[in-house]
Amino acid sequence: MQGGLENPVRSLIFSCHERNRLENNYLYIKTRAYSNARLCQILKAIAGIRPKNGDEVWSREGQAAVYNILTSAKHIEVEPISDWELFGDRGCIVVPFATVNIFVNGNNVGQMIVEQGYAQRT
């Protein structure tokens, strides 16, 4: 991105390799390490899901499930489905953000955690 804004996927995941982004709008990433804050950011970015029972906060079990899914993956694809926007208060730190579909080894992570009972569809 231009103007010094960092790709939000790069800020969520430590190692990222973009391949043919302009042609197919996919990001191919290599997973390394995640913190709880990064997991929460990833969960907020996944399109079409929210915490189980409509809660505002993701359960530890839900975070652990996503952590296990992402760290056991051989291949992860991130497909942005919204335009980039700035997230946060203008008086504080704001970061670029996009709603995405995340695929692990070809499977949709949002759908996986809904099926496992950690999230519900919006």
C-alpha atoms as a PDB file:
ATOM      1  CA  MET A   1       0.000   0.000   0.000  1.00  0.00           C
ATOM      2  CA  GLN A   2       1.101   3.531  -0.587  1.00  0.00           C
ATOM      3  CA  GLY A   3       1.325   6.347   1.948  1.00  0.00           C
ATOM      4  CA  GLY A   4       3.185   4.336   4.566  1.00  0.00           C
ATOM      5  CA  LEU A   5       0.201   2.212   5.602  1.00  0.00           C
ATOM      6  CA  GLU A   6       1.201  -1.318   6.431  1.00  0.00           C
ATOM      7  CA  ASN A   7      -0.823  -4.254   5.145  1.00  0.00           C
ATOM      8  CA  PRO A   8      -2.977  -5.351   8.131  1.00  0.00           C
ATOM      9  CA  VAL A   9      -2.338  -9.007   7.396  1.00  0.00           C
ATOM     10  CA  ARG A  10       1.371  -8.293   7.823  1.00  0.00           C
ATOM     11  CA  SER A  11       0.629  -6.656  11.179  1.00  0.00           C
ATOM     12  CA  LEU A  12      -1.393  -9.700  12.265  1.00  0.00           C
ATOM     13  CA  ILE A  13       0.972 -12.373  11.056  1.00  0.00           C
ATOM     14  CA  PHE A  14       4.712 -12.017  11.347  1.00  0.00           C
ATOM     15  CA  SER A  15       5.755 -13.518   8.035  1.00  0.00           C
ATOM     16  CA  CYS A  16       3.824 -12.864   4.826  1.00  0.00           C
ATOM     17  CA  HIS A  17       4.585 -13.464   1.173  1.00  0.00           C
ATOM     18  CA  GLU A  18       2.328 -11.839  -1.432  1.00  0.00           C
ATOM     19  CA  ARG A  19       1.984 -13.595  -4.767  1.00  0.00           C
ATOM     20  CA  ASN A  20       0.111 -12.103  -7.730  1.00  0.00           C
ATOM     21  CA  ARG A  21      -1.933  -9.884  -5.397  1.00  0.00           C
ATOM     22  CA  LEU A  22      -3.018  -7.505  -8.136  1.00  0.00           C
ATOM     23  CA  GLU A  23      -4.207 -10.365 -10.343  1.00  0.00           C
ATOM     24  CA  ASN A  24      -6.052 -12.596  -7.898  1.00  0.00           C
ATOM     25  CA  ASN A  25      -6.284 -10.532  -4.676  1.00  0.00           C
ATOM     26  CA  TYR A  26      -5.045 -13.405  -2.519  1.00  0.00           C
ATOM     27  CA  LEU A  27      -2.325 -13.220   0.074  1.00  0.00           C
ATOM     28  CA  TYR A  28      -0.258 -16.324   0.653  1.00  0.00           C
ATOM     29  CA  ILE A  29       1.203 -16.299   4.125  1.00  0.00           C
ATOM     30  CA  LYS A  30       3.517 -18.383   6.197  1.00  0.00           C
ATOM     31  CA  THR A  31       2.482 -18.812   9.797  1.00  0.00           C
ATOM     32  CA  ARG A  32       4.998 -18.303  12.595  1.00  0.00           C
ATOM     33  CA  ALA A  33       3.733 -17.112  15.985  1.00  0.00           C
ATOM     34  CA  TYR A  34       0.590 -15.536  17.370  1.00  0.00           C
ATOM     35  CA  SER A  35      -0.163 -13.556  20.522  1.00  0.00           C
ATOM     36  CA  ASN A  36      -3.623 -13.294  22.084  1.00  0.00           C
ATOM     37  CA  ALA A  37      -3.972  -9.745  20.750  1.00  0.00           C
ATOM     38  CA  ARG A  38      -3.092 -10.916  17.249  1.00  0.00           C
ATOM     39  CA  LEU A  39      -5.594 -13.785  17.505  1.00  0.00           C
ATOM     40  CA  CYS A  40      -8.322 -11.352  18.550  1.00  0.00           C
ATOM     41  CA  GLN A  41      -7.458  -9.143  15.558  1.00  0.00           C
ATOM     42  CA  ILE A  42      -7.622 -12.158  13.263  1.00  0.00           C
ATOM     43  CA  LEU A  43     -10.979 -13.219  14.714  1.00  0.00           C
ATOM     44  CA  LYS A  44     -12.361  -9.691  14.200  1.00  0.00           C
ATOM     45  CA  ALA A  45     -11.188  -9.721  10.589  1.00  0.00           C
ATOM     46  CA  ILE A  46     -12.821 -13.034   9.602  1.00  0.00           C
ATOM     47  CA  ALA A  47     -15.923 -12.306   7.569  1.00  0.00           C
ATOM     48  CA  GLY A  48     -19.369 -13.514   8.551  1.00  0.00           C
ATOM     49  CA  ILE A  49     -18.742 -14.721  12.103  1.00  0.00           C
ATOM     50  CA  ARG A  50     -19.028 -13.450  15.658  1.00  0.00           C
ATOM     51  CA  PRO A  51     -18.455 -14.967  19.091  1.00  0.00           C
ATOM     52  CA  LYS A  52     -20.787 -17.749  20.192  1.00  0.00           C
ATOM     53  CA  ASN A  53     -24.098 -16.583  21.749  1.00  0.00           C
ATOM     54  CA  GLY A  54     -23.564 -13.055  20.404  1.00  0.00           C
ATOM     55  CA  ASP A  55     -20.948 -12.180  23.032  1.00  0.00           C
ATOM     56  CA  GLU A  56     -18.579  -9.264  22.415  1.00  0.00           C
ATOM     57  CA  VAL A  57     -15.514 -11.222  23.577  1.00  0.00           C
ATOM     58  CA  TRP A  58     -14.089 -14.379  22.046  1.00  0.00           C
ATOM     59  CA  SER A  59     -13.767 -17.307  24.467  1.00  0.00           C
ATOM     60  CA  ARG A  60     -10.363 -18.737  25.310  1.00  0.00           C
ATOM     61  CA  GLU A  61     -11.489 -22.007  23.764  1.00  0.00           C
ATOM     62  CA  GLY A  62     -12.387 -20.229  20.511  1.00  0.00           C
ATOM     63  CA  GLN A  63      -9.029 -18.452  20.457  1.00  0.00           C
ATOM     64  CA  ALA A  64      -7.253 -21.754  21.147  1.00  0.00           C
ATOM     65  CA  ALA A  65      -9.151 -23.438  18.294  1.00  0.00           C
ATOM     66  CA  VAL A  66      -8.117 -20.727  15.816  1.00  0.00           C
ATOM     67  CA  TYR A  67      -4.530 -20.827  17.120  1.00  0.00           C
ATOM     68  CA  ASN A  68      -4.401 -24.602  16.592  1.00  0.00           C
ATOM     69  CA  ILE A  69      -5.935 -24.338  13.125  1.00  0.00           C
ATOM     70  CA  LEU A  70      -3.475 -21.647  12.007  1.00  0.00           C
ATOM     71  CA  THR A  71      -0.324 -23.101  13.545  1.00  0.00           C
ATOM     72  CA  SER A  72      -0.975 -26.592  12.162  1.00  0.00           C
ATOM     73  CA  ALA A  73      -1.561 -25.290   8.625  1.00  0.00           C
ATOM     74  CA  LYS A  74       0.777 -26.005   5.759  1.00  0.00           C
ATOM     75  CA  HIS A  75      -0.831 -23.359   3.529  1.00  0.00           C
ATOM     76  CA  ILE A  76      -2.917 -20.292   4.431  1.00  0.00           C
ATOM     77  CA  GLU A  77      -4.711 -17.998   1.988  1.00  0.00           C
ATOM     78  CA  VAL A  78      -6.264 -14.674   2.968  1.00  0.00           C
ATOM     79  CA  GLU A  79      -8.905 -13.271   0.630  1.00  0.00           C
ATOM     80  CA  PRO A  80      -9.906  -9.648   1.377  1.00  0.00           C
ATOM     81  CA  ILE A  81     -13.648  -9.143   0.817  1.00  0.00           C
ATOM     82  CA  SER A  82     -13.876  -5.504   1.879  1.00  0.00           C
ATOM     83  CA  ASP A  83     -11.936  -2.384   1.037  1.00  0.00           C
ATOM     84  CA  TRP A  84      -9.138  -1.305   3.362  1.00  0.00           C
ATOM     85  CA  GLU A  85     -10.313   1.036   6.109  1.00  0.00           C
ATOM     86  CA  LEU A  86      -8.686   2.551   9.177  1.00  0.00           C
ATOM     87  CA  PHE A  87      -9.588   0.916  12.488  1.00  0.00           C
ATOM     88  CA  GLY A  88      -9.230   2.736  15.828  1.00  0.00           C
ATOM     89  CA  ASP A  89      -9.663   6.238  17.196  1.00  0.00           C
ATOM     90  CA  ARG A  90      -8.188   9.062  15.141  1.00  0.00           C
ATOM     91  CA  GLY A  91      -6.541  10.528  18.269  1.00  0.00           C
ATOM     92  CA  CYS A  92      -4.756   7.236  18.953  1.00  0.00           C
ATOM     93  CA  ILE A  93      -3.075   4.580  16.889  1.00  0.00           C
ATOM     94  CA  VAL A  94      -5.103   3.542  13.862  1.00  0.00           C
ATOM     95  CA  VAL A  95      -4.301   0.540  11.706  1.00  0.00           C
ATOM     96  CA  PRO A  96      -5.435  -0.451   8.229  1.00  0.00           C
ATOM     97  CA  PHE A  97      -8.050  -3.185   8.405  1.00  0.00           C
ATOM     98  CA  ALA A  98     -10.017  -5.345   5.974  1.00  0.00           C
ATOM     99  CA  THR A  99     -12.637  -8.035   6.427  1.00  0.00           C
ATOM    100  CA  VAL A 100     -11.316 -11.296   5.007  1.00  0.00           C
ATOM    101  CA  ASN A 101     -11.953 -14.948   4.368  1.00  0.00           C
ATOM    102  CA  ILE A 102      -9.095 -17.091   5.674  1.00  0.00           C
ATOM    103  CA  PHE A 103      -8.518 -20.505   4.136  1.00  0.00           C
ATOM    104  CA  VAL A 104      -6.300 -23.131   5.780  1.00  0.00           C
ATOM    105  CA  ASN A 105      -5.264 -25.956   3.473  1.00  0.00           C
ATOM    106  CA  GLY A 106      -8.259 -25.022   1.297  1.00  0.00           C
ATOM    107  CA  ASN A 107     -10.823 -24.930   4.158  1.00  0.00           C
ATOM    108  CA  ASN A 108     -12.599 -21.756   5.318  1.00  0.00           C
ATOM    109  CA  VAL A 109     -11.519 -20.985   8.916  1.00  0.00           C
ATOM    110  CA  GLY A 110     -14.750 -19.115   9.698  1.00  0.00           C
ATOM    111  CA  GLN A 111     -16.831 -22.100   8.661  1.00  0.00           C
ATOM    112  CA  MET A 112     -14.556 -24.462  10.601  1.00  0.00           C
ATOM    113  CA  ILE A 113     -14.934 -22.615  13.912  1.00  0.00           C
ATOM    114  CA  VAL A 114     -18.707 -22.273  13.406  1.00  0.00           C
ATOM    115  CA  GLU A 115     -18.928 -26.049  12.844  1.00  0.00           C
ATOM    116  CA  GLN A 116     -16.822 -26.642  15.978  1.00  0.00           C
ATOM    117  CA  GLY A 117     -19.249 -24.502  18.015  1.00  0.00           C
ATOM    118  CA  TYR A 118     -16.922 -21.599  18.881  1.00  0.00           C
ATOM    119  CA  ALA A 119     -18.632 -18.984  16.691  1.00  0.00           C
ATOM    120  CA  GLN A 120     -21.916 -18.192  14.997  1.00  0.00           C
ATOM    121  CA  ARG A 121     -22.726 -16.694  11.625  1.00  0.00           C
ATOM    122  CA  THR A 122     -23.612 -13.001  11.436  1.00  0.00           C
END
